[in-house]
């Protein structure tokens, strides 16, 4: 899983009661992930979901894939 690898998380870290990922830190993780996804898109190496679509985050953390599309043409 890309997110776990990127942040060094384990599956257990996602357990709200015992894991190290807290609700209060989610905006930080979302911003860091958005930066990485945007960097990869701008470099022409976008992250893809299993179905082949671009990996995308919630509305507040959208990744712009225009450069990825241009770099692939």
PDB file of N, CA and C in Angstrom:
ATOM      1  N   UNK A   1       0.844  -1.180   0.000  1.00  0.00           N
ATOM      2  CA  UNK A   1       0.000   0.000   0.000  1.00  0.00           C
ATOM      3  C   UNK A   1       0.889   1.243   0.000  1.00  0.00           C
ATOM      4  N   UNK A   2       0.684   2.097  -0.966  1.00  0.00           N
ATOM      5  CA  UNK A   2       1.524   3.279  -1.145  1.00  0.00           C
ATOM      6  C   UNK A   2       1.544   4.176   0.093  1.00  0.00           C
ATOM      7  N   UNK A   3       0.393   4.432   0.676  1.00  0.00           N
ATOM      8  CA  UNK A   3       0.318   5.358   1.816  1.00  0.00           C
ATOM      9  C   UNK A   3       1.119   4.815   2.988  1.00  0.00           C
ATOM     10  N   UNK A   4       0.956   3.538   3.291  1.00  0.00           N
ATOM     11  CA  UNK A   4       1.727   2.953   4.394  1.00  0.00           C
ATOM     12  C   UNK A   4       3.223   3.032   4.117  1.00  0.00           C
ATOM     13  N   UNK A   5       3.630   2.709   2.907  1.00  0.00           N
ATOM     14  CA  UNK A   5       5.049   2.772   2.561  1.00  0.00           C
ATOM     15  C   UNK A   5       5.586   4.196   2.642  1.00  0.00           C
ATOM     16  N   UNK A   6       4.822   5.148   2.146  1.00  0.00           N
ATOM     17  CA  UNK A   6       5.254   6.545   2.117  1.00  0.00           C
ATOM     18  C   UNK A   6       5.485   7.088   3.524  1.00  0.00           C
ATOM     19  N   UNK A   7       4.556   6.788   4.437  1.00  0.00           N
ATOM     20  CA  UNK A   7       4.652   7.310   5.802  1.00  0.00           C
ATOM     21  C   UNK A   7       5.337   6.352   6.778  1.00  0.00           C
ATOM     22  N   UNK A   8       5.595   5.124   6.363  1.00  0.00           N
ATOM     23  CA  UNK A   8       6.172   4.150   7.270  1.00  0.00           C
ATOM     24  C   UNK A   8       5.152   3.584   8.251  1.00  0.00           C
ATOM     25  N   UNK A   9       3.881   3.570   7.851  1.00  0.00           N
ATOM     26  CA  UNK A   9       2.818   3.031   8.700  1.00  0.00           C
ATOM     27  C   UNK A   9       2.718   1.521   8.541  1.00  0.00           C
ATOM     28  N   UNK A  10       2.101   0.906   9.524  1.00  0.00           N
ATOM     29  CA  UNK A  10       1.710  -0.492   9.434  1.00  0.00           C
ATOM     30  C   UNK A  10       0.189  -0.546   9.462  1.00  0.00           C
ATOM     31  N   UNK A  11      -0.356  -1.705   9.178  1.00  0.00           N
ATOM     32  CA  UNK A  11      -1.810  -1.867   9.232  1.00  0.00           C
ATOM     33  C   UNK A  11      -2.324  -1.556  10.632  1.00  0.00           C
ATOM     34  N   UNK A  12      -1.583  -1.944  11.642  1.00  0.00           N
ATOM     35  CA  UNK A  12      -1.994  -1.691  13.032  1.00  0.00           C
ATOM     36  C   UNK A  12      -2.060  -0.203  13.358  1.00  0.00           C
ATOM     37  N   UNK A  13      -1.275   0.613  12.682  1.00  0.00           N
ATOM     38  CA  UNK A  13      -1.283   2.056  12.941  1.00  0.00           C
ATOM     39  C   UNK A  13      -2.635   2.687  12.642  1.00  0.00           C
ATOM     40  N   UNK A  14      -3.449   2.041  11.829  1.00  0.00           N
ATOM     41  CA  UNK A  14      -4.747   2.587  11.450  1.00  0.00           C
ATOM     42  C   UNK A  14      -5.843   2.274  12.465  1.00  0.00           C
ATOM     43  N   UNK A  15      -5.542   1.518  13.494  1.00  0.00           N
ATOM     44  CA  UNK A  15      -6.517   1.245  14.559  1.00  0.00           C
ATOM     45  C   UNK A  15      -6.650   2.500  15.408  1.00  0.00           C
ATOM     46  N   UNK A  16      -7.829   3.112  15.406  1.00  0.00           N
ATOM     47  CA  UNK A  16      -8.015   4.393  16.103  1.00  0.00           C
ATOM     48  C   UNK A  16      -7.704   4.292  17.589  1.00  0.00           C
ATOM     49  N   UNK A  17      -8.023   3.171  18.207  1.00  0.00           N
ATOM     50  CA  UNK A  17      -7.843   3.068  19.654  1.00  0.00           C
ATOM     51  C   UNK A  17      -6.396   2.792  20.058  1.00  0.00           C
ATOM     52  N   UNK A  18      -5.618   2.167  19.189  1.00  0.00           N
ATOM     53  CA  UNK A  18      -4.259   1.769  19.565  1.00  0.00           C
ATOM     54  C   UNK A  18      -3.180   2.254  18.609  1.00  0.00           C
ATOM     55  N   UNK A  19      -3.555   2.717  17.443  1.00  0.00           N
ATOM     56  CA  UNK A  19      -2.564   3.087  16.426  1.00  0.00           C
ATOM     57  C   UNK A  19      -1.992   4.460  16.632  1.00  0.00           C
ATOM     58  N   UNK A  20      -1.005   4.781  15.809  1.00  0.00           N
ATOM     59  CA  UNK A  20      -0.345   6.081  15.935  1.00  0.00           C
ATOM     60  C   UNK A  20      -0.966   7.154  15.060  1.00  0.00           C
ATOM     61  N   UNK A  21      -1.938   6.804  14.250  1.00  0.00           N
ATOM     62  CA  UNK A  21      -2.614   7.772  13.395  1.00  0.00           C
ATOM     63  C   UNK A  21      -3.836   8.304  14.147  1.00  0.00           C
ATOM     64  N   UNK A  22      -3.820   9.582  14.427  1.00  0.00           N
ATOM     65  CA  UNK A  22      -4.950  10.177  15.146  1.00  0.00           C
ATOM     66  C   UNK A  22      -5.744  11.073  14.202  1.00  0.00           C
ATOM     67  N   UNK A  23      -6.983  11.279  14.538  1.00  0.00           N
ATOM     68  CA  UNK A  23      -7.858  12.126  13.734  1.00  0.00           C
ATOM     69  C   UNK A  23      -7.281  13.530  13.596  1.00  0.00           C
ATOM     70  N   UNK A  24      -6.663  14.032  14.629  1.00  0.00           N
ATOM     71  CA  UNK A  24      -6.092  15.375  14.593  1.00  0.00           C
ATOM     72  C   UNK A  24      -4.907  15.517  13.648  1.00  0.00           C
ATOM     73  N   UNK A  25      -4.233  14.418  13.333  1.00  0.00           N
ATOM     74  CA  UNK A  25      -3.076  14.452  12.440  1.00  0.00           C
ATOM     75  C   UNK A  25      -3.445  14.207  10.980  1.00  0.00           C
ATOM     76  N   UNK A  26      -4.687  13.831  10.721  1.00  0.00           N
ATOM     77  CA  UNK A  26      -5.085  13.507   9.353  1.00  0.00           C
ATOM     78  C   UNK A  26      -4.861  14.656   8.366  1.00  0.00           C
ATOM     79  N   UNK A  27      -5.151  15.921   8.717  1.00  0.00           N
ATOM     80  CA  UNK A  27      -4.867  16.996   7.762  1.00  0.00           C
ATOM     81  C   UNK A  27      -3.378  17.078   7.393  1.00  0.00           C
ATOM     82  N   UNK A  28      -2.501  16.855   8.357  1.00  0.00           N
ATOM     83  CA  UNK A  28      -1.063  16.855   8.064  1.00  0.00           C
ATOM     84  C   UNK A  28      -0.723  15.754   7.069  1.00  0.00           C
ATOM     85  N   UNK A  29      -1.199  14.541   7.338  1.00  0.00           N
ATOM     86  CA  UNK A  29      -0.910  13.426   6.441  1.00  0.00           C
ATOM     87  C   UNK A  29      -1.495  13.674   5.049  1.00  0.00           C
ATOM     88  N   UNK A  30      -2.680  14.245   4.993  1.00  0.00           N
ATOM     89  CA  UNK A  30      -3.306  14.527   3.701  1.00  0.00           C
ATOM     90  C   UNK A  30      -2.487  15.542   2.912  1.00  0.00           C
ATOM     91  N   UNK A  31      -1.999  16.599   3.585  1.00  0.00           N
ATOM     92  CA  UNK A  31      -1.186  17.605   2.891  1.00  0.00           C
ATOM     93  C   UNK A  31       0.130  17.007   2.390  1.00  0.00           C
ATOM     94  N   UNK A  32       0.772  16.204   3.220  1.00  0.00           N
ATOM     95  CA  UNK A  32       2.032  15.591   2.807  1.00  0.00           C
ATOM     96  C   UNK A  32       1.826  14.631   1.641  1.00  0.00           C
ATOM     97  N   UNK A  33       0.749  13.883   1.698  1.00  0.00           N
ATOM     98  CA  UNK A  33       0.442  12.960   0.608  1.00  0.00           C
ATOM     99  C   UNK A  33       0.104  13.731  -0.663  1.00  0.00           C
ATOM    100  N   UNK A  34      -0.652  14.814  -0.529  1.00  0.00           N
ATOM    101  CA  UNK A  34      -0.993  15.645  -1.684  1.00  0.00           C
ATOM    102  C   UNK A  34       0.270  16.200  -2.332  1.00  0.00           C
ATOM    103  N   UNK A  35       1.219  16.660  -1.529  1.00  0.00           N
ATOM    104  CA  UNK A  35       2.479  17.180  -2.073  1.00  0.00           C
ATOM    105  C   UNK A  35       3.223  16.107  -2.869  1.00  0.00           C
ATOM    106  N   UNK A  36       3.284  14.898  -2.318  1.00  0.00           N
ATOM    107  CA  UNK A  36       3.988  13.817  -3.005  1.00  0.00           C
ATOM    108  C   UNK A  36       3.281  13.419  -4.296  1.00  0.00           C
ATOM    109  N   UNK A  37       1.959  13.304  -4.247  1.00  0.00           N
ATOM    110  CA  UNK A  37       1.211  12.957  -5.453  1.00  0.00           C
ATOM    111  C   UNK A  37       1.356  14.040  -6.512  1.00  0.00           C
ATOM    112  N   UNK A  38       1.335  15.310  -6.092  1.00  0.00           N
ATOM    113  CA  UNK A  38       1.491  16.409  -7.043  1.00  0.00           C
ATOM    114  C   UNK A  38       2.881  16.389  -7.658  1.00  0.00           C
ATOM    115  N   UNK A  39       3.892  16.148  -6.854  1.00  0.00           N
ATOM    116  CA  UNK A  39       5.263  16.062  -7.356  1.00  0.00           C
ATOM    117  C   UNK A  39       5.375  14.972  -8.417  1.00  0.00           C
ATOM    118  N   UNK A  40       4.822  13.818  -8.134  1.00  0.00           N
ATOM    119  CA  UNK A  40       4.887  12.712  -9.091  1.00  0.00           C
ATOM    120  C   UNK A  40       4.105  13.040 -10.367  1.00  0.00           C
ATOM    121  N   UNK A  41       2.964  13.673 -10.208  1.00  0.00           N
ATOM    122  CA  UNK A  41       2.174  14.056 -11.385  1.00  0.00           C
ATOM    123  C   UNK A  41       2.946  15.057 -12.238  1.00  0.00           C
ATOM    124  N   UNK A  42       3.560  16.049 -11.599  1.00  0.00           N
ATOM    125  CA  UNK A  42       4.312  17.066 -12.327  1.00  0.00           C
ATOM    126  C   UNK A  42       5.530  16.482 -13.035  1.00  0.00           C
ATOM    127  N   UNK A  43       6.069  15.405 -12.476  1.00  0.00           N
ATOM    128  CA  UNK A  43       7.220  14.734 -13.086  1.00  0.00           C
ATOM    129  C   UNK A  43       6.804  13.745 -14.175  1.00  0.00           C
ATOM    130  N   UNK A  44       5.496  13.605 -14.397  1.00  0.00           N
ATOM    131  CA  UNK A  44       5.002  12.692 -15.413  1.00  0.00           C
ATOM    132  C   UNK A  44       4.938  11.245 -14.965  1.00  0.00           C
ATOM    133  N   UNK A  45       4.985  11.026 -13.654  1.00  0.00           N
ATOM    134  CA  UNK A  45       4.913   9.679 -13.106  1.00  0.00           C
ATOM    135  C   UNK A  45       3.811   9.605 -12.055  1.00  0.00           C
ATOM    136  N   UNK A  46       2.553   9.815 -12.460  1.00  0.00           N
ATOM    137  CA  UNK A  46       1.459   9.864 -11.490  1.00  0.00           C
ATOM    138  C   UNK A  46       1.203   8.509 -10.837  1.00  0.00           C
ATOM    139  N   UNK A  47       0.713   8.563  -9.620  1.00  0.00           N
ATOM    140  CA  UNK A  47       0.302   7.346  -8.917  1.00  0.00           C
ATOM    141  C   UNK A  47      -1.074   6.944  -9.428  1.00  0.00           C
ATOM    142  N   UNK A  48      -1.225   5.673  -9.711  1.00  0.00           N
ATOM    143  CA  UNK A  48      -2.490   5.166 -10.230  1.00  0.00           C
ATOM    144  C   UNK A  48      -3.143   4.230  -9.225  1.00  0.00           C
ATOM    145  N   UNK A  49      -4.457   4.240  -9.229  1.00  0.00           N
ATOM    146  CA  UNK A  49      -5.238   3.282  -8.447  1.00  0.00           C
ATOM    147  C   UNK A  49      -5.220   1.940  -9.174  1.00  0.00           C
ATOM    148  N   UNK A  50      -5.721   0.913  -8.523  1.00  0.00           N
ATOM    149  CA  UNK A  50      -5.757  -0.424  -9.129  1.00  0.00           C
ATOM    150  C   UNK A  50      -6.542  -0.445 -10.440  1.00  0.00           C
ATOM    151  N   UNK A  51      -7.538   0.444 -10.560  1.00  0.00           N
ATOM    152  CA  UNK A  51      -8.348   0.467 -11.782  1.00  0.00           C
ATOM    153  C   UNK A  51      -7.736   1.322 -12.892  1.00  0.00           C
ATOM    154  N   UNK A  52      -6.547   1.869 -12.638  1.00  0.00           N
ATOM    155  CA  UNK A  52      -5.863   2.673 -13.646  1.00  0.00           C
ATOM    156  C   UNK A  52      -6.153   4.161 -13.570  1.00  0.00           C
ATOM    157  N   UNK A  53      -7.067   4.570 -12.720  1.00  0.00           N
ATOM    158  CA  UNK A  53      -7.365   5.993 -12.573  1.00  0.00           C
ATOM    159  C   UNK A  53      -6.295   6.657 -11.704  1.00  0.00           C
ATOM    160  N   UNK A  54      -6.176   7.968 -11.843  1.00  0.00           N
ATOM    161  CA  UNK A  54      -5.215   8.707 -11.024  1.00  0.00           C
ATOM    162  C   UNK A  54      -5.627   8.651  -9.556  1.00  0.00           C
ATOM    163  N   UNK A  55      -4.634   8.470  -8.663  1.00  0.00           N
ATOM    164  CA  UNK A  55      -4.917   8.505  -7.228  1.00  0.00           C
ATOM    165  C   UNK A  55      -5.308   9.928  -6.868  1.00  0.00           C
ATOM    166  N   UNK A  56      -6.432  10.077  -6.201  1.00  0.00           N
ATOM    167  CA  UNK A  56      -6.944  11.398  -5.873  1.00  0.00           C
ATOM    168  C   UNK A  56      -7.363  11.433  -4.415  1.00  0.00           C
ATOM    169  N   UNK A  57      -7.275  12.603  -3.826  1.00  0.00           N
ATOM    170  CA  UNK A  57      -7.648  12.816  -2.429  1.00  0.00           C
ATOM    171  C   UNK A  57      -8.941  13.606  -2.353  1.00  0.00           C
ATOM    172  N   UNK A  58      -9.388  13.873  -1.137  1.00  0.00           N
ATOM    173  CA  UNK A  58     -10.620  14.625  -0.934  1.00  0.00           C
ATOM    174  C   UNK A  58     -10.545  16.038  -1.485  1.00  0.00           C
ATOM    175  N   UNK A  59     -11.675  16.703  -1.520  1.00  0.00           N
ATOM    176  CA  UNK A  59     -11.805  18.007  -2.172  1.00  0.00           C
ATOM    177  C   UNK A  59     -10.784  19.037  -1.692  1.00  0.00           C
ATOM    178  N   UNK A  60     -10.446  19.029  -0.421  1.00  0.00           N
ATOM    179  CA  UNK A  60      -9.499  20.022   0.104  1.00  0.00           C
ATOM    180  C   UNK A  60      -8.056  19.732  -0.269  1.00  0.00           C
ATOM    181  N   UNK A  61      -7.795  18.555  -0.815  1.00  0.00           N
ATOM    182  CA  UNK A  61      -6.422  18.123  -1.094  1.00  0.00           C
ATOM    183  C   UNK A  61      -6.278  17.574  -2.518  1.00  0.00           C
ATOM    184  N   UNK A  62      -7.023  18.130  -3.451  1.00  0.00           N
ATOM    185  CA  UNK A  62      -7.024  17.631  -4.823  1.00  0.00           C
ATOM    186  C   UNK A  62      -5.653  17.762  -5.474  1.00  0.00           C
ATOM    187  N   UNK A  63      -5.306  16.773  -6.268  1.00  0.00           N
ATOM    188  CA  UNK A  63      -4.074  16.774  -7.054  1.00  0.00           C
ATOM    189  C   UNK A  63      -4.435  17.170  -8.482  1.00  0.00           C
ATOM    190  N   UNK A  64      -3.659  18.076  -9.059  1.00  0.00           N
ATOM    191  CA  UNK A  64      -3.875  18.516 -10.432  1.00  0.00           C
ATOM    192  C   UNK A  64      -3.042  17.625 -11.343  1.00  0.00           C
ATOM    193  N   UNK A  65      -3.710  16.870 -12.189  1.00  0.00           N
ATOM    194  CA  UNK A  65      -3.018  15.943 -13.082  1.00  0.00           C
ATOM    195  C   UNK A  65      -2.856  16.479 -14.499  1.00  0.00           C
ATOM    196  N   UNK A  66      -3.062  17.768 -14.704  1.00  0.00           N
ATOM    197  CA  UNK A  66      -2.904  18.335 -16.050  1.00  0.00           C
ATOM    198  C   UNK A  66      -1.498  18.114 -16.595  1.00  0.00           C
ATOM    199  N   UNK A  67      -0.472  18.324 -15.780  1.00  0.00           N
ATOM    200  CA  UNK A  67       0.908  18.145 -16.252  1.00  0.00           C
ATOM    201  C   UNK A  67       1.194  16.678 -16.548  1.00  0.00           C
ATOM    202  N   UNK A  68       0.626  15.770 -15.776  1.00  0.00           N
ATOM    203  CA  UNK A  68       0.846  14.342 -16.019  1.00  0.00           C
ATOM    204  C   UNK A  68       0.278  13.957 -17.371  1.00  0.00           C
ATOM    205  N   UNK A  69      -0.873  14.488 -17.701  1.00  0.00           N
ATOM    206  CA  UNK A  69      -1.500  14.207 -18.985  1.00  0.00           C
ATOM    207  C   UNK A  69      -0.668  14.772 -20.128  1.00  0.00           C
ATOM    208  N   UNK A  70      -0.166  16.001 -19.960  1.00  0.00           N
ATOM    209  CA  UNK A  70       0.662  16.636 -20.989  1.00  0.00           C
ATOM    210  C   UNK A  70       1.978  15.890 -21.170  1.00  0.00           C
ATOM    211  N   UNK A  71       2.570  15.424 -20.080  1.00  0.00           N
ATOM    212  CA  UNK A  71       3.855  14.731 -20.159  1.00  0.00           C
ATOM    213  C   UNK A  71       3.739  13.354 -20.772  1.00  0.00           C
ATOM    214  N   UNK A  72       2.549  12.777 -20.772  1.00  0.00           N
ATOM    215  CA  UNK A  72       2.359  11.451 -21.341  1.00  0.00           C
ATOM    216  C   UNK A  72       2.086  11.506 -22.841  1.00  0.00           C
ATOM    217  N   UNK A  73       1.755  12.694 -23.364  1.00  0.00           N
ATOM    218  CA  UNK A  73       1.466  12.826 -24.800  1.00  0.00           C
ATOM    219  C   UNK A  73       2.724  13.051 -25.591  1.00  0.00           C
TER     220      UNK A  73
END
